[in-house]
Structure formats: structure tokens, C-alpha cells
Amino acid sequence: MTISDKYDVQTGYLKKEAFEEFADMAEREDKFKSVPIGVLFTDINDLKKYHDYHGHAMSDLQIRKVALVIEEATKCRGEYYRFGGDEFVVVFWGFKKEEFDRYTKSVDDSRKSLEESGSITFAAGSCFAESVKDIRFALKTAYENMRADKERYHAEHP
């Protein structure tokens, strides 16, 4: 994979394949054994509905907007990945749990602010693990937490 192949053109985030490369390396190498990791998983709420009403160009703008909100909330301190059309993952490795918690709270505050403004919103879930070697477990748990947040959103916004 070349450098240009690793990045999503629309968001500037790394592609999912780059995450998989990193996860494979982290699971193999002992130097990551005692390095903590935090994973944040996000997914834009109702992007398909938004796309159907506003069109492709406007939904692309919303994808970029949410990506920027996440970067600003985390002060560009993580590694950013675009997992799918509207799914983003941020990985914080080598951070203490308190630091990770501050970033996830900032993302949550930004998410609530978007929701209150009536703008497009996103669901978020996170997980902290004591070792980067647990990256896939952290990803799965963050994903499950994001799904629970998405269900909460849809219960409040049928």
C-alpha cells in the first residue's frame, strides 16, 4: 500500500486497511504489550436519509464536517481512520486513561452540541485497554458502545 493509497481523499483520514496493518503489527510486536490504547468509534446518524433529501454533494459536506468536529474535539492527538462511508475510528495509543477520557468527553460535548443545533449528528462509543495488543477487542467494544448510543438516538428521534 503506497502512502497515497492509505488516505481517504475526502476526509484526510487513514483508510480502514491502514488500521488493519497497524492492528496486525501491534498484535505481533512485544513493544506494544505495556502501551495503553483508547479507541473511539463513531457513525453519522441518518446519513442515508440526509443524502436522499439533500443529495450527494451535501452529504459529502456533512461527512467532512463530522470528521472535522471529531478532529477538533480531540485536538488532532489520535490516529484517524475512515472505516466506511460514515464511520470513523480514532485510536489513541500511549495515552493515560484520564487523557483518553478527556478526549472522549470533548467528542461527546461536540456531538451533543450538534444535536442541540439541529445539525447532522453522530453516535459515538469508546473503549480503553491497557495494551495496544488488545486493539481489536477495544475496537469491537467501542463499536458495540457506539451501536448502543445510536439506539439511544433513534429512540429519542424516531
C-alpha atoms as a PDB file:
ATOM      1  CA  MET A   1       0.000   0.000   0.000  1.00  0.00           C
ATOM      2  CA  THR A   2       1.520   3.327  -1.050  1.00  0.00           C
ATOM      3  CA  ILE A   3       1.225   6.471   1.057  1.00  0.00           C
ATOM      4  CA  SER A   4      -1.476   7.926  -1.221  1.00  0.00           C
ATOM      5  CA  ASP A   5      -3.429   4.661  -1.046  1.00  0.00           C
ATOM      6  CA  LYS A   6      -3.527   4.848   2.752  1.00  0.00           C
ATOM      7  CA  TYR A   7      -5.530   8.094   2.944  1.00  0.00           C
ATOM      8  CA  ASP A   8      -9.156   8.850   2.257  1.00  0.00           C
ATOM      9  CA  VAL A   9      -9.312  11.792  -0.156  1.00  0.00           C
ATOM     10  CA  GLN A  10     -12.497  13.277   1.284  1.00  0.00           C
ATOM     11  CA  THR A  11     -11.540  13.406   4.969  1.00  0.00           C
ATOM     12  CA  GLY A  12      -7.760  13.072   5.007  1.00  0.00           C
ATOM     13  CA  TYR A  13      -8.213  10.182   7.440  1.00  0.00           C
ATOM     14  CA  LEU A  14      -6.326   6.935   7.022  1.00  0.00           C
ATOM     15  CA  LYS A  15      -8.305   4.151   5.360  1.00  0.00           C
ATOM     16  CA  LYS A  16      -9.527   1.048   7.191  1.00  0.00           C
ATOM     17  CA  GLU A  17      -6.783  -1.021   5.561  1.00  0.00           C
ATOM     18  CA  ALA A  18      -4.164   1.133   7.318  1.00  0.00           C
ATOM     19  CA  PHE A  19      -5.874   0.373  10.640  1.00  0.00           C
ATOM     20  CA  GLU A  20      -5.711  -3.350   9.867  1.00  0.00           C
ATOM     21  CA  GLU A  21      -1.976  -3.049   9.117  1.00  0.00           C
ATOM     22  CA  PHE A  22      -1.403  -1.238  12.400  1.00  0.00           C
ATOM     23  CA  ALA A  23      -3.521  -3.758  14.359  1.00  0.00           C
ATOM     24  CA  ASP A  24      -1.629  -6.682  12.835  1.00  0.00           C
ATOM     25  CA  MET A  25       1.702  -5.108  13.777  1.00  0.00           C
ATOM     26  CA  ALA A  26       0.511  -4.194  17.289  1.00  0.00           C
ATOM     27  CA  GLU A  27      -0.635  -7.735  17.966  1.00  0.00           C
ATOM     28  CA  ARG A  28       2.702  -9.172  16.775  1.00  0.00           C
ATOM     29  CA  GLU A  29       5.197  -6.866  18.438  1.00  0.00           C
ATOM     30  CA  ASP A  30       6.001  -7.150  22.128  1.00  0.00           C
ATOM     31  CA  LYS A  31       6.974  -3.474  22.382  1.00  0.00           C
ATOM     32  CA  PHE A  32       3.233  -2.659  22.412  1.00  0.00           C
ATOM     33  CA  LYS A  33       2.451  -5.020  25.285  1.00  0.00           C
ATOM     34  CA  SER A  34       2.568  -2.354  28.003  1.00  0.00           C
ATOM     35  CA  VAL A  35       1.350   0.572  25.883  1.00  0.00           C
ATOM     36  CA  PRO A  36      -2.257   1.589  26.663  1.00  0.00           C
ATOM     37  CA  ILE A  37      -4.790   2.233  23.909  1.00  0.00           C
ATOM     38  CA  GLY A  38      -8.093   4.012  23.600  1.00  0.00           C
ATOM     39  CA  VAL A  39     -10.436   3.550  20.652  1.00  0.00           C
ATOM     40  CA  LEU A  40     -13.281   5.864  19.699  1.00  0.00           C
ATOM     41  CA  PHE A  41     -15.800   4.600  17.112  1.00  0.00           C
ATOM     42  CA  THR A  42     -18.295   7.000  15.525  1.00  0.00           C
ATOM     43  CA  ASP A  43     -21.063   6.717  12.953  1.00  0.00           C
ATOM     44  CA  ILE A  44     -23.139   9.540  11.468  1.00  0.00           C
ATOM     45  CA  ASN A  45     -26.834   9.305  12.310  1.00  0.00           C
ATOM     46  CA  ASP A  46     -29.310   9.038   9.428  1.00  0.00           C
ATOM     47  CA  LEU A  47     -26.854   9.985   6.691  1.00  0.00           C
ATOM     48  CA  LYS A  48     -28.792   7.956   4.117  1.00  0.00           C
ATOM     49  CA  LYS A  49     -31.979   9.954   4.820  1.00  0.00           C
ATOM     50  CA  TYR A  50     -29.967  13.168   4.628  1.00  0.00           C
ATOM     51  CA  HIS A  51     -28.398  12.006   1.353  1.00  0.00           C
ATOM     52  CA  ASP A  52     -31.751  11.063  -0.158  1.00  0.00           C
ATOM     53  CA  TYR A  53     -33.173  14.511   0.657  1.00  0.00           C
ATOM     54  CA  HIS A  54     -30.161  16.780   0.032  1.00  0.00           C
ATOM     55  CA  GLY A  55     -28.108  14.845  -2.488  1.00  0.00           C
ATOM     56  CA  HIS A  56     -24.583  13.535  -2.804  1.00  0.00           C
ATOM     57  CA  ALA A  57     -22.662  16.814  -2.598  1.00  0.00           C
ATOM     58  CA  MET A  58     -24.388  17.912   0.608  1.00  0.00           C
ATOM     59  CA  SER A  59     -23.947  14.535   2.306  1.00  0.00           C
ATOM     60  CA  ASP A  60     -20.249  14.657   1.371  1.00  0.00           C
ATOM     61  CA  LEU A  61     -20.049  18.044   3.106  1.00  0.00           C
ATOM     62  CA  GLN A  62     -21.639  16.566   6.217  1.00  0.00           C
ATOM     63  CA  ILE A  63     -19.139  13.701   6.247  1.00  0.00           C
ATOM     64  CA  ARG A  64     -16.282  16.212   6.132  1.00  0.00           C
ATOM     65  CA  LYS A  65     -17.979  18.391   8.770  1.00  0.00           C
ATOM     66  CA  VAL A  66     -18.280  15.498  11.231  1.00  0.00           C
ATOM     67  CA  ALA A  67     -14.682  14.437  10.535  1.00  0.00           C
ATOM     68  CA  LEU A  68     -13.521  17.974  11.355  1.00  0.00           C
ATOM     69  CA  VAL A  69     -15.646  18.133  14.525  1.00  0.00           C
ATOM     70  CA  ILE A  70     -14.011  14.909  15.731  1.00  0.00           C
ATOM     71  CA  GLU A  71     -10.505  16.208  14.930  1.00  0.00           C
ATOM     72  CA  GLU A  72     -11.153  19.497  16.724  1.00  0.00           C
ATOM     73  CA  ALA A  73     -12.652  17.777  19.771  1.00  0.00           C
ATOM     74  CA  THR A  74      -9.629  15.502  20.090  1.00  0.00           C
ATOM     75  CA  LYS A  75      -7.146  18.270  19.291  1.00  0.00           C
ATOM     76  CA  CYS A  76      -5.664  16.147  16.466  1.00  0.00           C
ATOM     77  CA  ARG A  77      -3.981  13.886  19.017  1.00  0.00           C
ATOM     78  CA  GLY A  78      -5.099  10.497  17.726  1.00  0.00           C
ATOM     79  CA  GLU A  79      -4.749   8.492  14.558  1.00  0.00           C
ATOM     80  CA  TYR A  80      -7.851   8.956  12.430  1.00  0.00           C
ATOM     81  CA  TYR A  81      -9.391   6.270  10.226  1.00  0.00           C
ATOM     82  CA  ARG A  82     -12.375   6.270   7.912  1.00  0.00           C
ATOM     83  CA  PHE A  83     -13.881   2.815   8.275  1.00  0.00           C
ATOM     84  CA  GLY A  84     -16.821   3.155   5.954  1.00  0.00           C
ATOM     85  CA  GLY A  85     -18.960   5.767   4.305  1.00  0.00           C
ATOM     86  CA  ASP A  86     -19.871   7.461   7.578  1.00  0.00           C
ATOM     87  CA  GLU A  87     -17.898   5.508  10.178  1.00  0.00           C
ATOM     88  CA  PHE A  88     -14.779   6.956  11.770  1.00  0.00           C
ATOM     89  CA  VAL A  89     -12.343   5.452  14.253  1.00  0.00           C
ATOM     90  CA  VAL A  90      -9.818   7.375  16.327  1.00  0.00           C
ATOM     91  CA  VAL A  91      -7.002   5.469  18.030  1.00  0.00           C
ATOM     92  CA  PHE A  92      -5.085   6.938  20.955  1.00  0.00           C
ATOM     93  CA  TRP A  93      -2.107   4.823  21.897  1.00  0.00           C
ATOM     94  CA  GLY A  94       0.345   5.691  24.634  1.00  0.00           C
ATOM     95  CA  PHE A  95      -2.189   7.945  26.402  1.00  0.00           C
ATOM     96  CA  LYS A  96      -3.250   7.570  30.013  1.00  0.00           C
ATOM     97  CA  LYS A  97      -6.891   6.731  30.655  1.00  0.00           C
ATOM     98  CA  GLU A  98      -7.574  10.186  32.130  1.00  0.00           C
ATOM     99  CA  GLU A  99      -6.324  11.828  28.941  1.00  0.00           C
ATOM    100  CA  PHE A 100      -8.382   9.488  26.774  1.00  0.00           C
ATOM    101  CA  ASP A 101     -11.450  10.215  28.920  1.00  0.00           C
ATOM    102  CA  ARG A 102     -10.955  13.971  28.383  1.00  0.00           C
ATOM    103  CA  TYR A 103     -10.916  13.495  24.605  1.00  0.00           C
ATOM    104  CA  THR A 104     -13.984  11.252  24.600  1.00  0.00           C
ATOM    105  CA  LYS A 105     -15.831  13.769  26.793  1.00  0.00           C
ATOM    106  CA  SER A 106     -14.891  16.531  24.380  1.00  0.00           C
ATOM    107  CA  VAL A 107     -16.221  14.456  21.473  1.00  0.00           C
ATOM    108  CA  ASP A 108     -19.410  13.781  23.434  1.00  0.00           C
ATOM    109  CA  ASP A 109     -19.833  17.501  24.151  1.00  0.00           C
ATOM    110  CA  SER A 110     -19.360  18.291  20.451  1.00  0.00           C
ATOM    111  CA  ARG A 111     -21.845  15.587  19.495  1.00  0.00           C
ATOM    112  CA  LYS A 112     -24.454  16.983  21.918  1.00  0.00           C
ATOM    113  CA  SER A 113     -23.854  20.493  20.602  1.00  0.00           C
ATOM    114  CA  LEU A 114     -24.518  19.332  17.027  1.00  0.00           C
ATOM    115  CA  GLU A 115     -27.645  17.524  18.198  1.00  0.00           C
ATOM    116  CA  GLU A 116     -28.946  20.620  20.001  1.00  0.00           C
ATOM    117  CA  SER A 117     -28.299  22.833  16.973  1.00  0.00           C
ATOM    118  CA  GLY A 118     -30.381  20.560  14.759  1.00  0.00           C
ATOM    119  CA  SER A 119     -27.359  19.752  12.622  1.00  0.00           C
ATOM    120  CA  ILE A 120     -26.446  16.280  11.447  1.00  0.00           C
ATOM    121  CA  THR A 121     -25.232  14.230  14.381  1.00  0.00           C
ATOM    122  CA  PHE A 122     -23.225  11.119  15.083  1.00  0.00           C
ATOM    123  CA  ALA A 123     -23.210   8.271  17.551  1.00  0.00           C
ATOM    124  CA  ALA A 124     -20.033   7.508  19.481  1.00  0.00           C
ATOM    125  CA  GLY A 125     -18.629   4.702  21.581  1.00  0.00           C
ATOM    126  CA  SER A 126     -15.265   4.179  23.181  1.00  0.00           C
ATOM    127  CA  CYS A 127     -13.089   1.643  24.933  1.00  0.00           C
ATOM    128  CA  PHE A 128      -9.787   1.891  26.797  1.00  0.00           C
ATOM    129  CA  ALA A 129      -7.417  -1.075  27.152  1.00  0.00           C
ATOM    130  CA  GLU A 130      -4.111  -1.424  28.983  1.00  0.00           C
ATOM    131  CA  SER A 131      -2.314  -2.853  25.947  1.00  0.00           C
ATOM    132  CA  VAL A 132      -2.250  -1.988  22.255  1.00  0.00           C
ATOM    133  CA  LYS A 133      -2.185  -5.752  21.742  1.00  0.00           C
ATOM    134  CA  ASP A 134      -5.907  -5.619  22.679  1.00  0.00           C
ATOM    135  CA  ILE A 135      -6.681  -3.227  19.817  1.00  0.00           C
ATOM    136  CA  ARG A 136      -9.255  -5.460  18.126  1.00  0.00           C
ATOM    137  CA  PHE A 137     -11.047  -6.100  21.421  1.00  0.00           C
ATOM    138  CA  ALA A 138     -11.076  -2.337  22.068  1.00  0.00           C
ATOM    139  CA  LEU A 139     -12.410  -1.714  18.552  1.00  0.00           C
ATOM    140  CA  LYS A 140     -15.195  -4.287  18.974  1.00  0.00           C
ATOM    141  CA  THR A 141     -16.190  -2.872  22.369  1.00  0.00           C
ATOM    142  CA  ALA A 142     -16.115   0.720  21.095  1.00  0.00           C
ATOM    143  CA  TYR A 143     -18.296  -0.371  18.163  1.00  0.00           C
ATOM    144  CA  GLU A 144     -20.809  -2.021  20.494  1.00  0.00           C
ATOM    145  CA  ASN A 145     -20.901   1.113  22.660  1.00  0.00           C
ATOM    146  CA  MET A 146     -21.446   3.242  19.545  1.00  0.00           C
ATOM    147  CA  ARG A 147     -24.363   0.994  18.486  1.00  0.00           C
ATOM    148  CA  ALA A 148     -25.946   1.481  21.931  1.00  0.00           C
ATOM    149  CA  ASP A 149     -25.548   5.252  21.542  1.00  0.00           C
ATOM    150  CA  LYS A 150     -27.124   5.075  18.069  1.00  0.00           C
ATOM    151  CA  GLU A 151     -30.086   3.127  19.506  1.00  0.00           C
ATOM    152  CA  ARG A 152     -30.491   5.827  22.181  1.00  0.00           C
ATOM    153  CA  TYR A 153     -30.502   8.492  19.476  1.00  0.00           C
ATOM    154  CA  HIS A 154     -33.114   6.677  17.386  1.00  0.00           C
ATOM    155  CA  ALA A 155     -35.317   6.109  20.450  1.00  0.00           C
ATOM    156  CA  GLU A 156     -35.255   9.872  21.091  1.00  0.00           C
ATOM    157  CA  HIS A 157     -35.615  10.794  17.382  1.00  0.00           C
ATOM    158  CA  PRO A 158     -37.961   8.248  15.780  1.00  0.00           C
END
